[in-house]
Every structure is written in C-alpha cells, then in structure tokens.
C-alpha cells in the first residue's frame, strides 16, 4: 500500500496525491476490486481517515472550498487528486455518485491560506486532518481584499462558486428552489425579486422541463456567474442560511439528495469555512 512507501515531492509545490494517481494504471471496472482510499492518495494521512474511500461528494466539497477560498480549483491541489480518485471509484461501481464518506460529511473540509514573505501557504484538510499543504508565489501587487484574511464568504460568492463547480448542470426545480432560498436569505426580501436570480432560475427550470436535449437547456453558470453583482443585497453565509438552502434543495429533489458542488453544497461549504475562520 502506498501509505508504506511515502515519497517526498521534488519541490514543496508538488502534490503527493496527484503524483500517486499519475503512477496508477488505467483500471477498468473489472480490474479495480477495492476503492481508492485517502491513505492511497495522501500517504502521510493516518488513522481512521486513511482507510476511508474517496467519494464524489468528498471531492465536490473540496472543489467548492478551493473555489471559495482561492478563487479557482488548484492544479495539483487536493480537489484535483480527490476528483480523480472518486471518478475511478465511481466508474468501478465501488461508490455512488451522491456518496459521501461518513467522517467527511460529519466534519467537513477546510482550505486555509496564510501569508509568508513572497509566498502563500495553502493547507487543505478533511475531517480535521491535513491532507495537502503546499505553497504558491504571492501576487506581485496584493491590493485586493483577501477573503481568508479579512472577509467572510458571502451568499453571492457561494453562488458564483457553483458556476465553476457545477456550471454545466441544467437547472431543475431543486436548483431553482435552492437559489430562491439563497436569494431570500441574502436580501431579507421574502418574495421573488422580478428580474433577480431566483426568478431567472425558476423560469429556466420550467423551460428546461420541456426540453430533451441538455445542450439546449439553461445551465447553472448562465444564471449564477454574476450572482454577487446581481443580488441587490448580500450577506455573510451562516449555518442557518446553509440549513435553509439545503432544506429547499432536498425538498424539491425526488431523490432527496443534494447535487455535488451544487447550490446547497456550495452554501454549506461557505458556512463551514466562515465558522472555521
């Protein structure tokens, strides 16, 4: 098992999980007999987490967290490594698309960024265990506000993150309901705002229901890319906001499940990050 053969990266920039996955052969569903676990991808991880399989929802949570804190999914970061492992596990039929590892679902994921002279140190954790830590060059002109150091994540920012993590998903009624719940909590207006993102999402969900070709359907990115500027008022995401949005998405989903990287997942991840910070 790779946990017994740790290899230090050539530089602090290289992610060990990504290196592990690149070394693996392309396994089809008949060859892969066991799910890829955290200890396989991140050799320095020990304890209970090391023996847990990496599931699609785990990867989606980390991808959302990276987008919220760092502005984009990091090349060679934990989200990329987890997504690769989760995809292989799902294709082999060893995990389901909506599966989440128990301790990951209970304790969540965290992405933290700290400054150093000329560098920024990025630490990514799952269930309180650091699985990846690396550095990146600091921006030459750091004149913008840092979400990590100064500002908490807002509802608008959480919605914009969805445009990246699940932007290609056609909008359905569960998405529209979650977006409406988010808009109500962001603005304090307990009604659909004419021309707002909730109204646009509801219109899109209704139109999409009558289309059979996904290419013709309105996607989440079409509605949420500029959510922050579209909302007449915004606010910091709280756990109460997340509960309301998650509940709305669940109630309107026939399978009673949230979409990986979708509206509920992103708002929940934002609330968790705000609480951690």
C-alpha atoms as a PDB file:
ATOM      1  CA  UNK A   1       0.000   0.000   0.000  1.00  0.00           C
ATOM      2  CA  UNK A   2       1.358   3.410  -0.894  1.00  0.00           C
ATOM      3  CA  UNK A   3       0.999   4.539   2.713  1.00  0.00           C
ATOM      4  CA  UNK A   4       4.010   2.328   3.462  1.00  0.00           C
ATOM      5  CA  UNK A   5       6.054   3.861   0.626  1.00  0.00           C
ATOM      6  CA  UNK A   6       5.912   7.629   1.129  1.00  0.00           C
ATOM      7  CA  UNK A   7       7.874   9.630  -1.414  1.00  0.00           C
ATOM      8  CA  UNK A   8       8.697  13.241  -0.733  1.00  0.00           C
ATOM      9  CA  UNK A   9       7.919  15.520  -3.680  1.00  0.00           C
ATOM     10  CA  UNK A  10      10.801  17.106  -5.538  1.00  0.00           C
ATOM     11  CA  UNK A  11       9.524  20.523  -4.507  1.00  0.00           C
ATOM     12  CA  UNK A  12       7.066  21.880  -1.967  1.00  0.00           C
ATOM     13  CA  UNK A  13       4.775  22.763  -4.872  1.00  0.00           C
ATOM     14  CA  UNK A  14       4.103  19.164  -5.916  1.00  0.00           C
ATOM     15  CA  UNK A  15       1.008  17.489  -4.533  1.00  0.00           C
ATOM     16  CA  UNK A  16       1.649  13.932  -3.355  1.00  0.00           C
ATOM     17  CA  UNK A  17      -1.868  12.781  -4.142  1.00  0.00           C
ATOM     18  CA  UNK A  18      -1.629  13.864  -7.769  1.00  0.00           C
ATOM     19  CA  UNK A  19       1.742  12.151  -8.105  1.00  0.00           C
ATOM     20  CA  UNK A  20       0.248   8.921  -6.762  1.00  0.00           C
ATOM     21  CA  UNK A  21      -2.635   8.961  -9.209  1.00  0.00           C
ATOM     22  CA  UNK A  22      -0.361   9.600 -12.187  1.00  0.00           C
ATOM     23  CA  UNK A  23       1.572   6.451 -11.321  1.00  0.00           C
ATOM     24  CA  UNK A  24      -1.504   4.247 -11.320  1.00  0.00           C
ATOM     25  CA  UNK A  25      -2.509   2.152 -14.366  1.00  0.00           C
ATOM     26  CA  UNK A  26      -5.820   2.810 -16.075  1.00  0.00           C
ATOM     27  CA  UNK A  27      -8.093   0.330 -14.365  1.00  0.00           C
ATOM     28  CA  UNK A  28     -11.412  -0.704 -15.812  1.00  0.00           C
ATOM     29  CA  UNK A  29     -14.389  -1.667 -13.644  1.00  0.00           C
ATOM     30  CA  UNK A  30     -13.405  -5.355 -13.795  1.00  0.00           C
ATOM     31  CA  UNK A  31      -9.828  -4.765 -12.636  1.00  0.00           C
ATOM     32  CA  UNK A  32     -10.395  -2.382  -9.723  1.00  0.00           C
ATOM     33  CA  UNK A  33     -11.619  -4.505  -6.829  1.00  0.00           C
ATOM     34  CA  UNK A  34     -11.298  -2.037  -3.941  1.00  0.00           C
ATOM     35  CA  UNK A  35     -11.981   1.696  -3.742  1.00  0.00           C
ATOM     36  CA  UNK A  36      -9.084   4.132  -3.704  1.00  0.00           C
ATOM     37  CA  UNK A  37      -8.739   5.393  -0.136  1.00  0.00           C
ATOM     38  CA  UNK A  38      -7.392   8.569   1.416  1.00  0.00           C
ATOM     39  CA  UNK A  39      -4.278   6.743   2.576  1.00  0.00           C
ATOM     40  CA  UNK A  40      -3.574   5.642  -1.004  1.00  0.00           C
ATOM     41  CA  UNK A  41      -3.728   9.162  -2.431  1.00  0.00           C
ATOM     42  CA  UNK A  42      -2.256  11.060   0.528  1.00  0.00           C
ATOM     43  CA  UNK A  43       0.449   8.763   2.000  1.00  0.00           C
ATOM     44  CA  UNK A  44       1.083  10.933   5.062  1.00  0.00           C
ATOM     45  CA  UNK A  45      -2.544  10.610   6.220  1.00  0.00           C
ATOM     46  CA  UNK A  46      -3.038   8.109   9.042  1.00  0.00           C
ATOM     47  CA  UNK A  47      -5.751   6.926  11.389  1.00  0.00           C
ATOM     48  CA  UNK A  48      -9.401   6.397  10.511  1.00  0.00           C
ATOM     49  CA  UNK A  49      -9.371   8.735   7.518  1.00  0.00           C
ATOM     50  CA  UNK A  50      -6.615   6.768   5.756  1.00  0.00           C
ATOM     51  CA  UNK A  51      -8.866   3.713   5.441  1.00  0.00           C
ATOM     52  CA  UNK A  52     -11.879   5.613   4.094  1.00  0.00           C
ATOM     53  CA  UNK A  53     -12.743   5.558   0.363  1.00  0.00           C
ATOM     54  CA  UNK A  54     -12.752   8.853  -1.516  1.00  0.00           C
ATOM     55  CA  UNK A  55     -16.314   9.562  -2.671  1.00  0.00           C
ATOM     56  CA  UNK A  56     -17.681  12.004  -5.279  1.00  0.00           C
ATOM     57  CA  UNK A  57     -19.292  14.245  -2.657  1.00  0.00           C
ATOM     58  CA  UNK A  58     -15.976  14.456  -0.780  1.00  0.00           C
ATOM     59  CA  UNK A  59     -14.260  15.696  -3.931  1.00  0.00           C
ATOM     60  CA  UNK A  60     -17.085  18.135  -4.669  1.00  0.00           C
ATOM     61  CA  UNK A  61     -16.831  19.612  -1.176  1.00  0.00           C
ATOM     62  CA  UNK A  62     -13.087  20.168  -1.552  1.00  0.00           C
ATOM     63  CA  UNK A  63     -13.525  21.654  -5.024  1.00  0.00           C
ATOM     64  CA  UNK A  64     -16.130  24.079  -3.679  1.00  0.00           C
ATOM     65  CA  UNK A  65     -13.871  25.037  -0.756  1.00  0.00           C
ATOM     66  CA  UNK A  66     -10.906  25.703  -3.061  1.00  0.00           C
ATOM     67  CA  UNK A  67     -13.035  27.892  -5.315  1.00  0.00           C
ATOM     68  CA  UNK A  68     -14.457  29.849  -2.399  1.00  0.00           C
ATOM     69  CA  UNK A  69     -11.129  30.488  -0.671  1.00  0.00           C
ATOM     70  CA  UNK A  70      -8.623  30.531  -3.544  1.00  0.00           C
ATOM     71  CA  UNK A  71     -10.820  31.664  -6.435  1.00  0.00           C
ATOM     72  CA  UNK A  72     -10.332  28.537  -8.523  1.00  0.00           C
ATOM     73  CA  UNK A  73      -9.634  24.827  -8.317  1.00  0.00           C
ATOM     74  CA  UNK A  74      -5.906  24.407  -7.790  1.00  0.00           C
ATOM     75  CA  UNK A  75      -3.862  22.466 -10.340  1.00  0.00           C
ATOM     76  CA  UNK A  76      -2.194  19.713  -8.343  1.00  0.00           C
ATOM     77  CA  UNK A  77      -4.307  20.506  -5.284  1.00  0.00           C
ATOM     78  CA  UNK A  78      -6.314  18.184  -3.069  1.00  0.00           C
ATOM     79  CA  UNK A  79      -9.563  18.673  -5.014  1.00  0.00           C
ATOM     80  CA  UNK A  80      -7.989  17.538  -8.285  1.00  0.00           C
ATOM     81  CA  UNK A  81      -6.484  14.434  -6.680  1.00  0.00           C
ATOM     82  CA  UNK A  82      -9.720  13.587  -4.870  1.00  0.00           C
ATOM     83  CA  UNK A  83     -11.806  14.080  -8.021  1.00  0.00           C
ATOM     84  CA  UNK A  84      -9.579  11.716  -9.988  1.00  0.00           C
ATOM     85  CA  UNK A  85      -9.800   9.040  -7.285  1.00  0.00           C
ATOM     86  CA  UNK A  86     -13.560   9.484  -6.808  1.00  0.00           C
ATOM     87  CA  UNK A  87     -14.167   9.209 -10.564  1.00  0.00           C
ATOM     88  CA  UNK A  88     -12.242   5.924 -10.711  1.00  0.00           C
ATOM     89  CA  UNK A  89     -14.118   4.588  -7.681  1.00  0.00           C
ATOM     90  CA  UNK A  90     -17.469   5.531  -9.211  1.00  0.00           C
ATOM     91  CA  UNK A  91     -16.654   4.038 -12.619  1.00  0.00           C
ATOM     92  CA  UNK A  92     -15.681   0.792 -10.902  1.00  0.00           C
ATOM     93  CA  UNK A  93     -19.057   0.742  -9.164  1.00  0.00           C
ATOM     94  CA  UNK A  94     -17.464   0.912  -5.721  1.00  0.00           C
ATOM     95  CA  UNK A  95     -19.101   4.199  -4.690  1.00  0.00           C
ATOM     96  CA  UNK A  96     -22.230   6.047  -5.812  1.00  0.00           C
ATOM     97  CA  UNK A  97     -22.362   9.489  -7.394  1.00  0.00           C
ATOM     98  CA  UNK A  98     -24.058  11.008  -4.335  1.00  0.00           C
ATOM     99  CA  UNK A  99     -21.987   9.109  -1.752  1.00  0.00           C
ATOM    100  CA  UNK A 100     -20.065  10.985   0.920  1.00  0.00           C
ATOM    101  CA  UNK A 101     -17.602   9.439   3.364  1.00  0.00           C
ATOM    102  CA  UNK A 102     -19.122   9.453   6.848  1.00  0.00           C
ATOM    103  CA  UNK A 103     -16.448  11.431   8.707  1.00  0.00           C
ATOM    104  CA  UNK A 104     -16.050  13.831   5.789  1.00  0.00           C
ATOM    105  CA  UNK A 105     -19.769  14.525   5.799  1.00  0.00           C
ATOM    106  CA  UNK A 106     -19.814  14.958   9.583  1.00  0.00           C
ATOM    107  CA  UNK A 107     -16.698  17.127   9.971  1.00  0.00           C
ATOM    108  CA  UNK A 108     -16.353  18.694   6.532  1.00  0.00           C
ATOM    109  CA  UNK A 109     -13.352  20.028   4.640  1.00  0.00           C
ATOM    110  CA  UNK A 110     -11.243  23.150   5.161  1.00  0.00           C
ATOM    111  CA  UNK A 111      -8.962  25.184   2.918  1.00  0.00           C
ATOM    112  CA  UNK A 112      -6.772  27.780   4.643  1.00  0.00           C
ATOM    113  CA  UNK A 113      -4.315  30.258   3.163  1.00  0.00           C
ATOM    114  CA  UNK A 114      -1.574  32.007   5.158  1.00  0.00           C
ATOM    115  CA  UNK A 115       0.986  34.530   4.024  1.00  0.00           C
ATOM    116  CA  UNK A 116       4.778  34.256   4.070  1.00  0.00           C
ATOM    117  CA  UNK A 117       7.441  36.527   2.525  1.00  0.00           C
ATOM    118  CA  UNK A 118       6.916  36.182  -1.204  1.00  0.00           C
ATOM    119  CA  UNK A 119       4.798  33.046  -0.761  1.00  0.00           C
ATOM    120  CA  UNK A 120       1.372  31.935   0.332  1.00  0.00           C
ATOM    121  CA  UNK A 121       0.968  28.623   2.161  1.00  0.00           C
ATOM    122  CA  UNK A 122      -2.159  26.634   1.340  1.00  0.00           C
ATOM    123  CA  UNK A 123      -3.316  23.955   3.763  1.00  0.00           C
ATOM    124  CA  UNK A 124      -6.203  21.619   2.885  1.00  0.00           C
ATOM    125  CA  UNK A 125      -7.872  19.401   5.476  1.00  0.00           C
ATOM    126  CA  UNK A 126     -10.520  16.693   5.557  1.00  0.00           C
ATOM    127  CA  UNK A 127     -12.279  15.932   8.846  1.00  0.00           C
ATOM    128  CA  UNK A 128      -9.672  17.994  10.668  1.00  0.00           C
ATOM    129  CA  UNK A 129      -6.691  16.112   9.189  1.00  0.00           C
ATOM    130  CA  UNK A 130      -4.319  17.993   6.891  1.00  0.00           C
ATOM    131  CA  UNK A 131      -4.128  16.044   3.636  1.00  0.00           C
ATOM    132  CA  UNK A 132      -2.258  18.543   1.480  1.00  0.00           C
ATOM    133  CA  UNK A 133      -0.019  21.515   2.166  1.00  0.00           C
ATOM    134  CA  UNK A 134       1.894  23.443  -0.467  1.00  0.00           C
ATOM    135  CA  UNK A 135       2.987  26.946  -1.377  1.00  0.00           C
ATOM    136  CA  UNK A 136       2.397  29.314  -4.269  1.00  0.00           C
ATOM    137  CA  UNK A 137       4.093  32.588  -5.208  1.00  0.00           C
ATOM    138  CA  UNK A 138       2.376  35.585  -3.660  1.00  0.00           C
ATOM    139  CA  UNK A 139       0.706  38.024  -6.062  1.00  0.00           C
ATOM    140  CA  UNK A 140       3.037  40.830  -7.135  1.00  0.00           C
ATOM    141  CA  UNK A 141       0.513  43.510  -6.223  1.00  0.00           C
ATOM    142  CA  UNK A 142      -1.679  42.411  -3.344  1.00  0.00           C
ATOM    143  CA  UNK A 143      -4.139  45.291  -3.486  1.00  0.00           C
ATOM    144  CA  UNK A 144      -7.378  43.343  -3.371  1.00  0.00           C
ATOM    145  CA  UNK A 145      -9.178  42.210  -0.244  1.00  0.00           C
ATOM    146  CA  UNK A 146      -8.384  38.659   0.854  1.00  0.00           C
ATOM    147  CA  UNK A 147     -11.416  36.513   1.561  1.00  0.00           C
ATOM    148  CA  UNK A 148      -9.448  34.405   4.013  1.00  0.00           C
ATOM    149  CA  UNK A 149      -7.764  37.171   5.986  1.00  0.00           C
ATOM    150  CA  UNK A 150     -10.456  39.843   6.064  1.00  0.00           C
ATOM    151  CA  UNK A 151     -13.823  38.993   4.570  1.00  0.00           C
ATOM    152  CA  UNK A 152     -16.052  36.020   5.242  1.00  0.00           C
ATOM    153  CA  UNK A 153     -17.675  34.276   2.276  1.00  0.00           C
ATOM    154  CA  UNK A 154     -20.999  35.799   1.247  1.00  0.00           C
ATOM    155  CA  UNK A 155     -24.048  34.104  -0.230  1.00  0.00           C
ATOM    156  CA  UNK A 156     -23.372  35.764  -3.572  1.00  0.00           C
ATOM    157  CA  UNK A 157     -19.808  34.423  -3.623  1.00  0.00           C
ATOM    158  CA  UNK A 158     -21.023  30.941  -2.723  1.00  0.00           C
ATOM    159  CA  UNK A 159     -23.485  31.056  -5.630  1.00  0.00           C
ATOM    160  CA  UNK A 160     -20.789  32.254  -8.021  1.00  0.00           C
ATOM    161  CA  UNK A 161     -18.639  29.297  -6.960  1.00  0.00           C
ATOM    162  CA  UNK A 162     -21.423  26.993  -8.200  1.00  0.00           C
ATOM    163  CA  UNK A 163     -20.921  28.392 -11.706  1.00  0.00           C
ATOM    164  CA  UNK A 164     -17.435  26.842 -11.564  1.00  0.00           C
ATOM    165  CA  UNK A 165     -18.053  23.600  -9.671  1.00  0.00           C
ATOM    166  CA  UNK A 166     -21.375  22.635 -11.308  1.00  0.00           C
ATOM    167  CA  UNK A 167     -21.839  25.234 -14.011  1.00  0.00           C
ATOM    168  CA  UNK A 168     -22.693  22.737 -16.761  1.00  0.00           C
ATOM    169  CA  UNK A 169     -25.644  21.275 -14.836  1.00  0.00           C
ATOM    170  CA  UNK A 170     -29.034  22.082 -16.402  1.00  0.00           C
ATOM    171  CA  UNK A 171     -31.201  23.923 -13.897  1.00  0.00           C
ATOM    172  CA  UNK A 172     -34.074  21.920 -12.418  1.00  0.00           C
ATOM    173  CA  UNK A 173     -36.678  22.652  -9.750  1.00  0.00           C
ATOM    174  CA  UNK A 174     -34.383  21.677  -6.884  1.00  0.00           C
ATOM    175  CA  UNK A 175     -31.738  24.141  -8.099  1.00  0.00           C
ATOM    176  CA  UNK A 176     -34.337  26.902  -8.534  1.00  0.00           C
ATOM    177  CA  UNK A 177     -35.706  26.299  -5.037  1.00  0.00           C
ATOM    178  CA  UNK A 178     -32.219  26.419  -3.511  1.00  0.00           C
ATOM    179  CA  UNK A 179     -31.359  29.610  -5.412  1.00  0.00           C
ATOM    180  CA  UNK A 180     -34.598  31.222  -4.263  1.00  0.00           C
ATOM    181  CA  UNK A 181     -33.859  30.289  -0.645  1.00  0.00           C
ATOM    182  CA  UNK A 182     -30.372  31.769  -1.011  1.00  0.00           C
ATOM    183  CA  UNK A 183     -31.727  34.986  -2.523  1.00  0.00           C
ATOM    184  CA  UNK A 184     -34.276  35.405   0.270  1.00  0.00           C
ATOM    185  CA  UNK A 185     -31.597  34.980   2.934  1.00  0.00           C
ATOM    186  CA  UNK A 186     -29.146  37.287   1.161  1.00  0.00           C
ATOM    187  CA  UNK A 187     -31.606  40.122   0.625  1.00  0.00           C
ATOM    188  CA  UNK A 188     -34.061  39.675   3.503  1.00  0.00           C
ATOM    189  CA  UNK A 189     -36.869  40.015   0.958  1.00  0.00           C
ATOM    190  CA  UNK A 190     -39.308  37.148   1.420  1.00  0.00           C
ATOM    191  CA  UNK A 191     -40.500  37.217  -2.188  1.00  0.00           C
ATOM    192  CA  UNK A 192     -39.084  36.501  -5.624  1.00  0.00           C
ATOM    193  CA  UNK A 193     -37.428  39.649  -6.962  1.00  0.00           C
ATOM    194  CA  UNK A 194     -38.519  40.476 -10.534  1.00  0.00           C
ATOM    195  CA  UNK A 195     -35.526  40.038 -12.818  1.00  0.00           C
ATOM    196  CA  UNK A 196     -33.456  38.533  -9.990  1.00  0.00           C
ATOM    197  CA  UNK A 197     -31.500  35.288  -9.996  1.00  0.00           C
ATOM    198  CA  UNK A 198     -34.319  33.329  -8.356  1.00  0.00           C
ATOM    199  CA  UNK A 199     -36.832  34.478 -10.981  1.00  0.00           C
ATOM    200  CA  UNK A 200     -34.374  33.640 -13.752  1.00  0.00           C
ATOM    201  CA  UNK A 201     -33.659  30.216 -12.237  1.00  0.00           C
ATOM    202  CA  UNK A 202     -37.353  29.394 -11.873  1.00  0.00           C
ATOM    203  CA  UNK A 203     -38.017  30.405 -15.467  1.00  0.00           C
ATOM    204  CA  UNK A 204     -35.087  28.289 -16.626  1.00  0.00           C
ATOM    205  CA  UNK A 205     -36.225  25.242 -14.619  1.00  0.00           C
ATOM    206  CA  UNK A 206     -39.713  25.462 -16.113  1.00  0.00           C
ATOM    207  CA  UNK A 207     -38.351  25.795 -19.658  1.00  0.00           C
ATOM    208  CA  UNK A 208     -35.787  23.018 -19.173  1.00  0.00           C
ATOM    209  CA  UNK A 209     -38.500  20.598 -18.062  1.00  0.00           C
ATOM    210  CA  UNK A 210     -39.934  20.713 -21.588  1.00  0.00           C
ATOM    211  CA  UNK A 211     -36.597  20.141 -23.352  1.00  0.00           C
ATOM    212  CA  UNK A 212     -34.988  16.776 -24.022  1.00  0.00           C
ATOM    213  CA  UNK A 213     -31.615  17.951 -25.327  1.00  0.00           C
ATOM    214  CA  UNK A 214     -29.332  19.038 -22.484  1.00  0.00           C
ATOM    215  CA  UNK A 215     -27.369  21.249 -24.862  1.00  0.00           C
ATOM    216  CA  UNK A 216     -30.429  23.453 -25.267  1.00  0.00           C
ATOM    217  CA  UNK A 217     -31.112  23.772 -21.545  1.00  0.00           C
ATOM    218  CA  UNK A 218     -30.151  26.736 -19.365  1.00  0.00           C
ATOM    219  CA  UNK A 219     -27.255  25.835 -17.088  1.00  0.00           C
ATOM    220  CA  UNK A 220     -26.367  26.966 -13.566  1.00  0.00           C
ATOM    221  CA  UNK A 221     -23.477  29.026 -14.918  1.00  0.00           C
ATOM    222  CA  UNK A 222     -25.895  31.002 -17.110  1.00  0.00           C
ATOM    223  CA  UNK A 223     -27.700  32.262 -14.007  1.00  0.00           C
ATOM    224  CA  UNK A 224     -25.069  32.338 -11.244  1.00  0.00           C
ATOM    225  CA  UNK A 225     -21.856  33.619 -12.852  1.00  0.00           C
ATOM    226  CA  UNK A 226     -22.505  37.207 -11.710  1.00  0.00           C
ATOM    227  CA  UNK A 227     -24.643  36.443  -8.655  1.00  0.00           C
ATOM    228  CA  UNK A 228     -22.836  38.896  -6.374  1.00  0.00           C
ATOM    229  CA  UNK A 229     -23.460  41.886  -8.621  1.00  0.00           C
ATOM    230  CA  UNK A 230     -26.996  40.733  -9.481  1.00  0.00           C
ATOM    231  CA  UNK A 231     -28.161  40.440  -5.883  1.00  0.00           C
ATOM    232  CA  UNK A 232     -29.454  43.822  -4.610  1.00  0.00           C
ATOM    233  CA  UNK A 233     -28.080  42.935  -1.185  1.00  0.00           C
ATOM    234  CA  UNK A 234     -25.648  40.304   0.074  1.00  0.00           C
ATOM    235  CA  UNK A 235     -24.592  38.904   3.439  1.00  0.00           C
ATOM    236  CA  UNK A 236     -22.137  36.554   5.086  1.00  0.00           C
ATOM    237  CA  UNK A 237     -23.200  32.915   4.938  1.00  0.00           C
ATOM    238  CA  UNK A 238     -24.228  31.441   8.295  1.00  0.00           C
ATOM    239  CA  UNK A 239     -25.087  27.897   9.301  1.00  0.00           C
ATOM    240  CA  UNK A 240     -28.761  28.930   9.415  1.00  0.00           C
ATOM    241  CA  UNK A 241     -28.530  30.130   5.812  1.00  0.00           C
ATOM    242  CA  UNK A 242     -26.968  26.836   4.791  1.00  0.00           C
ATOM    243  CA  UNK A 243     -29.668  24.811   6.535  1.00  0.00           C
ATOM    244  CA  UNK A 244     -32.389  26.760   4.731  1.00  0.00           C
ATOM    245  CA  UNK A 245     -30.790  26.341   1.303  1.00  0.00           C
ATOM    246  CA  UNK A 246     -30.007  22.652   1.825  1.00  0.00           C
ATOM    247  CA  UNK A 247     -33.563  22.016   3.013  1.00  0.00           C
ATOM    248  CA  UNK A 248     -35.015  23.754  -0.058  1.00  0.00           C
ATOM    249  CA  UNK A 249     -32.879  21.717  -2.453  1.00  0.00           C
ATOM    250  CA  UNK A 250     -33.675  18.438  -0.695  1.00  0.00           C
ATOM    251  CA  UNK A 251     -37.433  19.063  -0.593  1.00  0.00           C
ATOM    252  CA  UNK A 252     -37.558  19.619  -4.335  1.00  0.00           C
ATOM    253  CA  UNK A 253     -35.331  16.717  -5.356  1.00  0.00           C
ATOM    254  CA  UNK A 254     -37.190  13.413  -5.991  1.00  0.00           C
ATOM    255  CA  UNK A 255     -34.162  11.506  -4.674  1.00  0.00           C
ATOM    256  CA  UNK A 256     -33.925  13.668  -1.532  1.00  0.00           C
ATOM    257  CA  UNK A 257     -30.265  14.379  -2.268  1.00  0.00           C
ATOM    258  CA  UNK A 258     -28.189  17.477  -2.920  1.00  0.00           C
ATOM    259  CA  UNK A 259     -26.104  17.812  -6.069  1.00  0.00           C
ATOM    260  CA  UNK A 260     -22.288  17.514  -5.651  1.00  0.00           C
ATOM    261  CA  UNK A 261     -20.816  21.001  -5.994  1.00  0.00           C
ATOM    262  CA  UNK A 262     -24.306  22.449  -6.454  1.00  0.00           C
ATOM    263  CA  UNK A 263     -26.111  25.305  -4.726  1.00  0.00           C
ATOM    264  CA  UNK A 264     -26.731  23.610  -1.381  1.00  0.00           C
ATOM    265  CA  UNK A 265     -23.248  22.066  -1.284  1.00  0.00           C
ATOM    266  CA  UNK A 266     -21.581  25.399  -2.035  1.00  0.00           C
ATOM    267  CA  UNK A 267     -23.562  27.379   0.541  1.00  0.00           C
ATOM    268  CA  UNK A 268     -22.952  24.683   3.153  1.00  0.00           C
ATOM    269  CA  UNK A 269     -19.214  24.729   2.406  1.00  0.00           C
ATOM    270  CA  UNK A 270     -19.179  28.535   2.684  1.00  0.00           C
ATOM    271  CA  UNK A 271     -20.912  28.411   6.069  1.00  0.00           C
ATOM    272  CA  UNK A 272     -18.411  25.847   7.306  1.00  0.00           C
ATOM    273  CA  UNK A 273     -15.480  27.936   6.113  1.00  0.00           C
ATOM    274  CA  UNK A 274     -16.859  31.041   7.790  1.00  0.00           C
ATOM    275  CA  UNK A 275     -17.268  29.143  11.025  1.00  0.00           C
ATOM    276  CA  UNK A 276     -13.698  27.795  10.816  1.00  0.00           C
ATOM    277  CA  UNK A 277     -12.299  31.269  10.187  1.00  0.00           C
END
